[in-house]
C-alpha atoms as a PDB file:
ATOM      1  CA  MET A   1      71.367 100.432 105.499  1.00  0.00           C
ATOM      2  CA  ALA A   2      69.902 103.921 105.701  1.00  0.00           C
ATOM      3  CA  SER A   3      67.596 104.768 108.544  1.00  0.00           C
ATOM      4  CA  THR A   4      63.960 105.661 107.962  1.00  0.00           C
ATOM      5  CA  ARG A   5      64.667 109.221 109.075  1.00  0.00           C
ATOM      6  CA  GLY A   6      67.531 109.484 106.570  1.00  0.00           C
ATOM      7  CA  ILE A   7      65.358 108.206 103.732  1.00  0.00           C
ATOM      8  CA  LEU A   8      62.572 110.641 104.639  1.00  0.00           C
ATOM      9  CA  ARG A   9      65.091 113.489 104.683  1.00  0.00           C
ATOM     10  CA  LEU A  10      66.319 112.491 101.188  1.00  0.00           C
ATOM     11  CA  LEU A  11      62.746 112.351  99.897  1.00  0.00           C
ATOM     12  CA  SER A  12      61.967 115.682 101.511  1.00  0.00           C
ATOM     13  CA  ASP A  13      65.037 117.285  99.911  1.00  0.00           C
ATOM     14  CA  GLU A  14      64.042 115.887  96.499  1.00  0.00           C
ATOM     15  CA  HIS A  15      60.482 117.221  96.878  1.00  0.00           C
ATOM     16  CA  ARG A  16      61.816 120.670  97.827  1.00  0.00           C
ATOM     17  CA  ARG A  17      64.069 120.662  94.751  1.00  0.00           C
ATOM     18  CA  GLN A  18      61.194 119.604  92.486  1.00  0.00           C
ATOM     19  CA  GLY A  19      58.928 122.199  94.089  1.00  0.00           C
ATOM     20  CA  ALA A  20      61.494 124.929  93.452  1.00  0.00           C
ATOM     21  CA  GLU A  21      61.808 123.803  89.823  1.00  0.00           C
ATOM     22  CA  LEU A  22      58.024 123.866  89.426  1.00  0.00           C
ATOM     23  CA  VAL A  23      57.826 127.393  90.879  1.00  0.00           C
ATOM     24  CA  GLU A  24      60.508 128.520  88.408  1.00  0.00           C
ATOM     25  CA  VAL A  25      58.704 126.940  85.449  1.00  0.00           C
ATOM     26  CA  ARG A  26      55.436 128.607  86.490  1.00  0.00           C
ATOM     27  CA  ARG A  27      57.230 131.956  86.827  1.00  0.00           C
ATOM     28  CA  ARG A  28      58.714 131.593  83.332  1.00  0.00           C
ATOM     29  CA  VAL A  29      55.349 130.635  81.802  1.00  0.00           C
ATOM     30  CA  ALA A  30      53.658 133.624  83.457  1.00  0.00           C
ATOM     31  CA  ALA A  31      56.407 135.969  82.238  1.00  0.00           C
ATOM     32  CA  LEU A  32      56.170 134.618  78.691  1.00  0.00           C
ATOM     33  CA  LYS A  33      52.368 134.893  78.667  1.00  0.00           C
ATOM     34  CA  SER A  34      52.591 138.433  80.021  1.00  0.00           C
ATOM     35  CA  ARG A  35      55.128 139.421  77.349  1.00  0.00           C
ATOM     36  CA  LEU A  36      52.978 137.940  74.604  1.00  0.00           C
ATOM     37  CA  ALA A  37      49.767 139.551  75.876  1.00  0.00           C
ATOM     38  CA  SER A  38      51.337 142.955  76.396  1.00  0.00           C
ATOM     39  CA  GLY A  39      53.329 142.845  73.198  1.00  0.00           C
ATOM     40  CA  SER A  40      52.402 141.260  69.955  1.00  0.00           C
ATOM     41  CA  TYR A  41      48.770 140.235  70.614  1.00  0.00           C
ATOM     42  CA  ALA A  42      47.494 143.133  72.734  1.00  0.00           C
ATOM     43  CA  ARG A  43      46.833 145.246  69.653  1.00  0.00           C
ATOM     44  CA  TYR A  44      44.309 142.662  68.448  1.00  0.00           C
ATOM     45  CA  ARG A  45      42.103 142.787  71.567  1.00  0.00           C
ATOM     46  CA  ASN A  46      39.406 144.685  69.635  1.00  0.00           C
ATOM     47  CA  ASP A  47      40.295 143.331  66.197  1.00  0.00           C
ATOM     48  CA  PRO A  48      39.596 139.602  65.782  1.00  0.00           C
ATOM     49  CA  CYS A  49      39.642 139.946  61.988  1.00  0.00           C
ATOM     50  CA  GLY A  50      43.098 141.537  62.097  1.00  0.00           C
ATOM     51  CA  TYR A  51      44.271 138.729  64.380  1.00  0.00           C
ATOM     52  CA  ALA A  52      42.978 136.136  61.905  1.00  0.00           C
ATOM     53  CA  ARG A  53      44.673 137.879  58.996  1.00  0.00           C
ATOM     54  CA  ASP A  54      48.030 138.676  60.647  1.00  0.00           C
ATOM     55  CA  VAL A  55      48.531 135.903  63.223  1.00  0.00           C
ATOM     56  CA  LEU A  56      46.573 132.949  61.852  1.00  0.00           C
ATOM     57  CA  ARG A  57      47.198 133.949  58.227  1.00  0.00           C
ATOM     58  CA  VAL A  58      43.590 133.302  57.152  1.00  0.00           C
ATOM     59  CA  GLU A  59      40.962 135.480  55.488  1.00  0.00           C
ATOM     60  CA  TRP A  60      37.419 135.191  56.790  1.00  0.00           C
ATOM     61  CA  TRP A  61      34.562 135.872  54.402  1.00  0.00           C
ATOM     62  CA  ALA A  62      32.021 138.682  55.067  1.00  0.00           C
ATOM     63  CA  LYS A  63      29.588 136.752  57.306  1.00  0.00           C
ATOM     64  CA  GLN A  64      32.468 135.279  59.331  1.00  0.00           C
ATOM     65  CA  ARG A  65      33.828 138.803  59.894  1.00  0.00           C
ATOM     66  CA  GLU A  66      30.347 139.965  60.907  1.00  0.00           C
ATOM     67  CA  ILE A  67      30.121 137.164  63.505  1.00  0.00           C
ATOM     68  CA  ALA A  68      33.608 137.929  64.835  1.00  0.00           C
ATOM     69  CA  GLU A  69      32.852 141.643  65.191  1.00  0.00           C
ATOM     70  CA  ALA A  70      29.563 140.870  66.984  1.00  0.00           C
ATOM     71  CA  LEU A  71      31.625 139.247  69.757  1.00  0.00           C
ATOM     72  CA  LEU A  72      33.072 142.659  70.609  1.00  0.00           C
ATOM     73  CA  LYS A  73      29.674 143.876  71.849  1.00  0.00           C
ATOM     74  CA  PRO A  74      28.329 142.881  75.281  1.00  0.00           C
ATOM     75  CA  PRO A  75      27.214 140.278  76.303  1.00  0.00           C
ATOM     76  CA  HIS A  76      30.059 138.872  74.105  1.00  0.00           C
ATOM     77  CA  ARG A  77      27.918 135.947  72.970  1.00  0.00           C
ATOM     78  CA  VAL A  78      26.813 135.170  69.444  1.00  0.00           C
ATOM     79  CA  LEU A  79      24.400 132.479  68.309  1.00  0.00           C
ATOM     80  CA  VAL A  80      24.794 131.442  64.682  1.00  0.00           C
ATOM     81  CA  ARG A  81      22.413 129.421  62.587  1.00  0.00           C
ATOM     82  CA  ALA A  82      24.092 128.004  59.508  1.00  0.00           C
ATOM     83  CA  SER A  83      24.130 125.082  57.130  1.00  0.00           C
ATOM     84  CA  HIS A  84      26.830 122.466  56.561  1.00  0.00           C
ATOM     85  CA  SER A  85      30.347 123.308  55.342  1.00  0.00           C
ATOM     86  CA  VAL A  86      30.223 127.098  55.634  1.00  0.00           C
ATOM     87  CA  GLY A  87      33.260 127.504  57.906  1.00  0.00           C
ATOM     88  CA  LYS A  88      31.701 127.564  61.390  1.00  0.00           C
ATOM     89  CA  SER A  89      34.405 125.380  62.981  1.00  0.00           C
ATOM     90  CA  HIS A  90      37.178 127.240  61.170  1.00  0.00           C
ATOM     91  CA  LEU A  91      35.834 130.581  62.380  1.00  0.00           C
ATOM     92  CA  LEU A  92      35.257 129.397  65.929  1.00  0.00           C
ATOM     93  CA  GLY A  93      38.729 127.837  66.111  1.00  0.00           C
ATOM     94  CA  GLY A  94      40.185 131.211  65.177  1.00  0.00           C
ATOM     95  CA  LEU A  95      37.987 133.046  67.682  1.00  0.00           C
ATOM     96  CA  VAL A  96      38.955 130.694  70.518  1.00  0.00           C
ATOM     97  CA  ASN A  97      42.622 131.336  69.727  1.00  0.00           C
ATOM     98  CA  TRP A  98      42.013 135.106  69.422  1.00  0.00           C
ATOM     99  CA  TRP A  99      40.279 135.292  72.805  1.00  0.00           C
ATOM    100  CA  TYR A 100      42.960 133.175  74.498  1.00  0.00           C
ATOM    101  CA  ASP A 101      45.819 135.282  73.122  1.00  0.00           C
ATOM    102  CA  THR A 102      44.252 138.690  73.809  1.00  0.00           C
ATOM    103  CA  ASN A 103      42.358 138.199  77.101  1.00  0.00           C
ATOM    104  CA  ASP A 104      44.422 136.875  79.989  1.00  0.00           C
ATOM    105  CA  PRO A 105      42.965 135.736  82.237  1.00  0.00           C
ATOM    106  CA  GLY A 106      39.927 134.703  80.281  1.00  0.00           C
ATOM    107  CA  VAL A 107      37.475 131.895  79.735  1.00  0.00           C
ATOM    108  CA  VAL A 108      35.912 130.667  76.509  1.00  0.00           C
ATOM    109  CA  LEU A 109      33.048 128.188  76.666  1.00  0.00           C
ATOM    110  CA  THR A 110      32.500 126.173  73.513  1.00  0.00           C
ATOM    111  CA  THR A 111      29.444 124.050  72.798  1.00  0.00           C
ATOM    112  CA  ALA A 112      28.116 121.796  70.076  1.00  0.00           C
ATOM    113  CA  PRO A 113      25.268 119.295  69.875  1.00  0.00           C
ATOM    114  CA  THR A 114      27.565 116.495  71.109  1.00  0.00           C
ATOM    115  CA  ALA A 115      30.765 116.243  73.148  1.00  0.00           C
ATOM    116  CA  ARG A 116      32.385 114.426  70.217  1.00  0.00           C
ATOM    117  CA  GLN A 117      31.794 117.439  67.984  1.00  0.00           C
ATOM    118  CA  VAL A 118      33.364 119.771  70.535  1.00  0.00           C
ATOM    119  CA  ARG A 119      36.392 117.519  71.004  1.00  0.00           C
ATOM    120  CA  ASP A 120      36.951 116.074  67.530  1.00  0.00           C
ATOM    121  CA  ILE A 121      35.837 118.916  65.267  1.00  0.00           C
ATOM    122  CA  LEU A 122      36.061 122.248  67.060  1.00  0.00           C
ATOM    123  CA  TRP A 123      39.132 121.621  69.228  1.00  0.00           C
ATOM    124  CA  LYS A 124      40.910 119.846  66.404  1.00  0.00           C
ATOM    125  CA  GLU A 125      40.556 123.120  64.494  1.00  0.00           C
ATOM    126  CA  VAL A 126      41.748 125.157  67.506  1.00  0.00           C
ATOM    127  CA  ARG A 127      44.865 122.971  67.805  1.00  0.00           C
ATOM    128  CA  ARG A 128      45.487 123.048  64.038  1.00  0.00           C
ATOM    129  CA  GLN A 129      45.428 126.849  63.988  1.00  0.00           C
ATOM    130  CA  ARG A 130      47.509 127.072  67.160  1.00  0.00           C
ATOM    131  CA  TYR A 131      50.271 124.796  65.837  1.00  0.00           C
ATOM    132  CA  GLY A 132      53.696 125.897  67.037  1.00  0.00           C
ATOM    133  CA  ARG A 133      52.427 128.375  69.649  1.00  0.00           C
ATOM    134  CA  PRO A 134      52.105 127.773  73.407  1.00  0.00           C
ATOM    135  CA  GLY A 135      48.894 126.936  75.208  1.00  0.00           C
ATOM    136  CA  CYS A 136      47.803 123.429  74.192  1.00  0.00           C
ATOM    137  CA  PRO A 137      48.483 121.020  77.070  1.00  0.00           C
ATOM    138  CA  GLY A 138      48.178 117.902  74.909  1.00  0.00           C
ATOM    139  CA  PRO A 139      47.252 116.558  71.494  1.00  0.00           C
ATOM    140  CA  LYS A 140      43.603 115.670  72.287  1.00  0.00           C
ATOM    141  CA  ILE A 141      42.833 117.898  75.279  1.00  0.00           C
ATOM    142  CA  PRO A 142      40.029 120.403  74.569  1.00  0.00           C
ATOM    143  CA  ARG A 143      41.430 123.380  76.486  1.00  0.00           C
ATOM    144  CA  LEU A 144      44.095 126.060  76.391  1.00  0.00           C
ATOM    145  CA  GLU A 145      45.960 127.074  79.524  1.00  0.00           C
ATOM    146  CA  SER A 146      48.607 129.598  80.410  1.00  0.00           C
ATOM    147  CA  SER A 147      49.558 128.083  83.766  1.00  0.00           C
ATOM    148  CA  PRO A 148      49.391 124.597  85.311  1.00  0.00           C
END
């Protein structure tokens, strides 16, 4: 039967190994994010419409482009009053992805009248547009992250 000290040493060794693996994974994620930000997406930092067209493969209509371009001017906040079914969630999903890919580190705050609308409408659109690219930590989690 192993002594308590021996068991603690085994646990300690396992924790060190897992810690080293975690450090390596974090290093790889940071390197990948840096490569992506400095390479393919950096050119879109001041061109959200180009990002939508080239990366997301969508065309925004004139008012959507106007809203997107307004975000480039300080204080980088735009309030939009619109009716139903005009593409607000589609546009905002694209803008969340654009900001995440071109501004690292960065923060995007998203709001709606209810938490359900943020989670089930807006972030569903963000995840749909982001499909196949890194950043989403889970299928229903309303955030993007580049490091744990």
